[in-house]
Amino acid sequence: MLSLTCKTAIKAVIFLASKFKSGAKSGIIEIAEYIDASEHSVGKMLQTLVKENVINSSKGPNGGFYIDADQKNQPIINIVFAIDGKDVFNQCGLGLSECSADHPCPIHEDYKAVRDLFNKMCLDKRLLNYDPVDSGMAYLVG
């Protein structure tokens, strides 16, 4: 359902959220290494997230990427929309352009139920719900 870039973006933003309490900023190399992703793709993705106000960046010797208090309260769906677009939860599970309730694909009803549940989770879960990464109770690599 989500692109690889979007999954990577979610991991990167959760990583940045785990740095919120300390106020630390992270660079592209640190983020890419921690989430086991390509520096080039992480850099481009982070630029998109900054442009969409999902995260912040600052330049200079103490610069890097970070999130503020308002961003820590944002739902995961903001990341999904910034990377994959707002139509991601309306797309066909088989990738058909003409799939709808009136003209369903073979998996339409089952996929719609899963897609709607995942959409609800992305709306309900906020970055502040992912504090277990700080304590080592949850992981972003593997």
C-alpha atoms as a PDB file:
ATOM      1  CA  MET A   1       0.000   0.000   0.000  1.00  0.00           C
ATOM      2  CA  LEU A   2       2.776   2.438   0.888  1.00  0.00           C
ATOM      3  CA  SER A   3       5.821   3.059  -1.269  1.00  0.00           C
ATOM      4  CA  LEU A   4       9.271   2.118  -0.007  1.00  0.00           C
ATOM      5  CA  THR A   5      10.070   5.845   0.169  1.00  0.00           C
ATOM      6  CA  CYS A   6       7.044   6.425   2.396  1.00  0.00           C
ATOM      7  CA  LYS A   7       8.000   3.586   4.741  1.00  0.00           C
ATOM      8  CA  THR A   8      11.510   5.031   4.929  1.00  0.00           C
ATOM      9  CA  ALA A   9      10.073   8.486   5.635  1.00  0.00           C
ATOM     10  CA  ILE A  10       7.964   7.161   8.504  1.00  0.00           C
ATOM     11  CA  LYS A  11      11.031   5.500  10.046  1.00  0.00           C
ATOM     12  CA  ALA A  12      13.090   8.682   9.616  1.00  0.00           C
ATOM     13  CA  VAL A  13      10.450  10.894  11.240  1.00  0.00           C
ATOM     14  CA  ILE A  14       9.956   8.467  14.133  1.00  0.00           C
ATOM     15  CA  PHE A  15      13.746   8.511  14.570  1.00  0.00           C
ATOM     16  CA  LEU A  16      13.667  12.324  14.713  1.00  0.00           C
ATOM     17  CA  ALA A  17      10.779  12.159  17.193  1.00  0.00           C
ATOM     18  CA  SER A  18      12.935   9.929  19.403  1.00  0.00           C
ATOM     19  CA  LYS A  19      15.453  12.811  19.573  1.00  0.00           C
ATOM     20  CA  PHE A  20      12.813  15.368  20.589  1.00  0.00           C
ATOM     21  CA  LYS A  21      13.366  15.254  24.368  1.00  0.00           C
ATOM     22  CA  SER A  22      17.116  15.788  24.054  1.00  0.00           C
ATOM     23  CA  GLY A  23      16.691  18.566  21.489  1.00  0.00           C
ATOM     24  CA  ALA A  24      19.330  16.919  19.302  1.00  0.00           C
ATOM     25  CA  LYS A  25      19.369  17.541  15.571  1.00  0.00           C
ATOM     26  CA  SER A  26      20.362  14.782  13.170  1.00  0.00           C
ATOM     27  CA  GLY A  27      22.143  14.840   9.846  1.00  0.00           C
ATOM     28  CA  ILE A  28      21.354  12.833   6.738  1.00  0.00           C
ATOM     29  CA  ILE A  29      24.193  10.375   7.320  1.00  0.00           C
ATOM     30  CA  GLU A  30      23.118   9.625  10.913  1.00  0.00           C
ATOM     31  CA  ILE A  31      19.481   9.125   9.906  1.00  0.00           C
ATOM     32  CA  ALA A  32      20.337   6.971   6.881  1.00  0.00           C
ATOM     33  CA  GLU A  33      22.655   4.771   8.931  1.00  0.00           C
ATOM     34  CA  TYR A  34      20.168   4.351  11.770  1.00  0.00           C
ATOM     35  CA  ILE A  35      17.262   3.338   9.529  1.00  0.00           C
ATOM     36  CA  ASP A  36      19.509   1.419   7.096  1.00  0.00           C
ATOM     37  CA  ALA A  37      18.641   3.451   3.999  1.00  0.00           C
ATOM     38  CA  SER A  38      20.511   5.137   1.165  1.00  0.00           C
ATOM     39  CA  GLU A  39      21.871   8.588   2.034  1.00  0.00           C
ATOM     40  CA  HIS A  40      20.794   9.932  -1.355  1.00  0.00           C
ATOM     41  CA  SER A  41      17.167   8.808  -1.042  1.00  0.00           C
ATOM     42  CA  VAL A  42      17.001   9.892   2.620  1.00  0.00           C
ATOM     43  CA  GLY A  43      18.299  13.351   1.673  1.00  0.00           C
ATOM     44  CA  LYS A  44      15.689  13.848  -1.041  1.00  0.00           C
ATOM     45  CA  MET A  45      12.923  12.506   1.153  1.00  0.00           C
ATOM     46  CA  LEU A  46      13.899  14.775   4.069  1.00  0.00           C
ATOM     47  CA  GLN A  47      13.786  17.803   1.755  1.00  0.00           C
ATOM     48  CA  THR A  48      10.220  16.868   0.805  1.00  0.00           C
ATOM     49  CA  LEU A  49       9.249  16.471   4.469  1.00  0.00           C
ATOM     50  CA  VAL A  50      10.701  19.905   5.316  1.00  0.00           C
ATOM     51  CA  LYS A  51       8.847  21.474   2.384  1.00  0.00           C
ATOM     52  CA  GLU A  52       5.589  19.899   3.625  1.00  0.00           C
ATOM     53  CA  ASN A  53       6.302  21.104   7.223  1.00  0.00           C
ATOM     54  CA  VAL A  54       6.393  17.568   8.616  1.00  0.00           C
ATOM     55  CA  ILE A  55       9.911  18.202   9.972  1.00  0.00           C
ATOM     56  CA  ASN A  56      12.305  21.177  10.256  1.00  0.00           C
ATOM     57  CA  SER A  57      15.891  21.751   9.253  1.00  0.00           C
ATOM     58  CA  SER A  58      18.535  24.267  10.118  1.00  0.00           C
ATOM     59  CA  LYS A  59      21.894  24.970   8.514  1.00  0.00           C
ATOM     60  CA  GLY A  60      25.266  25.581  10.042  1.00  0.00           C
ATOM     61  CA  PRO A  61      27.598  23.806  12.440  1.00  0.00           C
ATOM     62  CA  ASN A  62      24.757  22.981  14.846  1.00  0.00           C
ATOM     63  CA  GLY A  63      22.273  22.309  12.051  1.00  0.00           C
ATOM     64  CA  GLY A  64      20.360  19.235  11.082  1.00  0.00           C
ATOM     65  CA  PHE A  65      16.854  17.854  10.953  1.00  0.00           C
ATOM     66  CA  TYR A  66      14.471  17.922  13.894  1.00  0.00           C
ATOM     67  CA  ILE A  67      10.822  18.141  14.899  1.00  0.00           C
ATOM     68  CA  ASP A  68       9.166  20.696  17.154  1.00  0.00           C
ATOM     69  CA  ALA A  69       6.402  20.205  19.739  1.00  0.00           C
ATOM     70  CA  ASP A  70       3.583  20.758  17.251  1.00  0.00           C
ATOM     71  CA  GLN A  71       5.130  18.334  14.776  1.00  0.00           C
ATOM     72  CA  LYS A  72       5.541  15.688  17.496  1.00  0.00           C
ATOM     73  CA  ASN A  73       1.759  15.818  17.922  1.00  0.00           C
ATOM     74  CA  GLN A  74       1.039  15.321  14.208  1.00  0.00           C
ATOM     75  CA  PRO A  75      -0.578  12.140  12.897  1.00  0.00           C
ATOM     76  CA  ILE A  76       1.399   9.636  10.824  1.00  0.00           C
ATOM     77  CA  ILE A  77      -0.927  10.371   7.914  1.00  0.00           C
ATOM     78  CA  ASN A  78       0.887  13.702   7.391  1.00  0.00           C
ATOM     79  CA  ILE A  79       4.011  11.748   6.421  1.00  0.00           C
ATOM     80  CA  VAL A  80       2.015   9.472   4.110  1.00  0.00           C
ATOM     81  CA  PHE A  81       0.357  12.420   2.375  1.00  0.00           C
ATOM     82  CA  ALA A  82       3.672  14.289   2.014  1.00  0.00           C
ATOM     83  CA  ILE A  83       5.396  11.355   0.304  1.00  0.00           C
ATOM     84  CA  ASP A  84       2.719   9.217  -1.401  1.00  0.00           C
ATOM     85  CA  GLY A  85      -0.017  11.827  -1.857  1.00  0.00           C
ATOM     86  CA  LYS A  86      -3.598  12.107  -0.676  1.00  0.00           C
ATOM     87  CA  ASP A  87      -4.977   9.456  -3.045  1.00  0.00           C
ATOM     88  CA  VAL A  88      -3.020   6.581  -1.485  1.00  0.00           C
ATOM     89  CA  PHE A  89      -6.068   5.414   0.483  1.00  0.00           C
ATOM     90  CA  ASN A  90      -8.315   5.481  -2.590  1.00  0.00           C
ATOM     91  CA  GLN A  91      -6.188   3.305  -4.848  1.00  0.00           C
ATOM     92  CA  CYS A  92      -7.040  -0.198  -6.006  1.00  0.00           C
ATOM     93  CA  GLY A  93      -5.206  -3.079  -4.331  1.00  0.00           C
ATOM     94  CA  LEU A  94      -4.325  -4.468  -7.761  1.00  0.00           C
ATOM     95  CA  GLY A  95      -3.385  -1.104  -9.208  1.00  0.00           C
ATOM     96  CA  LEU A  96      -6.354  -0.920 -11.598  1.00  0.00           C
ATOM     97  CA  SER A  97      -7.400   2.569 -12.655  1.00  0.00           C
ATOM     98  CA  GLU A  98     -11.092   1.728 -13.035  1.00  0.00           C
ATOM     99  CA  CYS A  99     -11.679  -0.088  -9.726  1.00  0.00           C
ATOM    100  CA  SER A 100     -14.667   1.167  -7.713  1.00  0.00           C
ATOM    101  CA  ALA A 101     -17.687  -0.139  -5.815  1.00  0.00           C
ATOM    102  CA  ASP A 102     -19.592  -0.113  -9.122  1.00  0.00           C
ATOM    103  CA  HIS A 103     -16.745  -1.750 -11.059  1.00  0.00           C
ATOM    104  CA  PRO A 104     -14.755  -3.727  -8.431  1.00  0.00           C
ATOM    105  CA  CYS A 105     -11.573  -5.739  -8.915  1.00  0.00           C
ATOM    106  CA  PRO A 106     -11.516  -9.320  -7.524  1.00  0.00           C
ATOM    107  CA  ILE A 107     -10.134  -8.198  -4.121  1.00  0.00           C
ATOM    108  CA  HIS A 108     -11.978  -4.862  -3.871  1.00  0.00           C
ATOM    109  CA  GLU A 109     -14.083  -5.451  -0.750  1.00  0.00           C
ATOM    110  CA  ASP A 110     -11.347  -7.181   1.284  1.00  0.00           C
ATOM    111  CA  TYR A 111      -8.692  -4.650   0.289  1.00  0.00           C
ATOM    112  CA  LYS A 112     -11.017  -1.717   0.988  1.00  0.00           C
ATOM    113  CA  ALA A 113     -11.564  -2.972   4.553  1.00  0.00           C
ATOM    114  CA  VAL A 114      -7.810  -3.306   5.178  1.00  0.00           C
ATOM    115  CA  ARG A 115      -7.069   0.038   3.496  1.00  0.00           C
ATOM    116  CA  ASP A 116      -9.722   1.817   5.574  1.00  0.00           C
ATOM    117  CA  LEU A 117      -8.399   0.307   8.810  1.00  0.00           C
ATOM    118  CA  PHE A 118      -4.826   1.316   7.914  1.00  0.00           C
ATOM    119  CA  ASN A 119      -6.058   4.835   7.054  1.00  0.00           C
ATOM    120  CA  LYS A 120      -7.705   5.060  10.489  1.00  0.00           C
ATOM    121  CA  MET A 121      -4.494   3.937  12.200  1.00  0.00           C
ATOM    122  CA  CYS A 122      -2.490   6.583  10.304  1.00  0.00           C
ATOM    123  CA  LEU A 123      -5.019   9.233  11.358  1.00  0.00           C
ATOM    124  CA  ASP A 124      -5.157   8.118  14.995  1.00  0.00           C
ATOM    125  CA  LYS A 125      -1.471   7.437  15.708  1.00  0.00           C
ATOM    126  CA  ARG A 126       0.706  10.447  16.366  1.00  0.00           C
ATOM    127  CA  LEU A 127       4.469  10.694  16.583  1.00  0.00           C
ATOM    128  CA  LEU A 128       4.211  11.045  20.338  1.00  0.00           C
ATOM    129  CA  ASN A 129       2.748   7.506  20.392  1.00  0.00           C
ATOM    130  CA  TYR A 130       6.150   6.119  19.372  1.00  0.00           C
ATOM    131  CA  ASP A 131       8.178   6.845  22.504  1.00  0.00           C
ATOM    132  CA  PRO A 132       9.063   3.123  22.913  1.00  0.00           C
ATOM    133  CA  VAL A 133      11.868   3.717  20.370  1.00  0.00           C
ATOM    134  CA  ASP A 134      13.551   5.955  22.976  1.00  0.00           C
ATOM    135  CA  SER A 135      13.537   3.214  25.583  1.00  0.00           C
ATOM    136  CA  GLY A 136      14.591   0.386  23.285  1.00  0.00           C
ATOM    137  CA  MET A 137      11.172  -1.251  23.510  1.00  0.00           C
ATOM    138  CA  ALA A 138      10.621  -0.820  19.746  1.00  0.00           C
ATOM    139  CA  TYR A 139      13.023  -0.810  16.807  1.00  0.00           C
ATOM    140  CA  LEU A 140      13.422   0.959  13.469  1.00  0.00           C
ATOM    141  CA  VAL A 141      16.023  -1.399  11.991  1.00  0.00           C
ATOM    142  CA  GLY A 142      16.005  -5.002  11.000  1.00  0.00           C
END
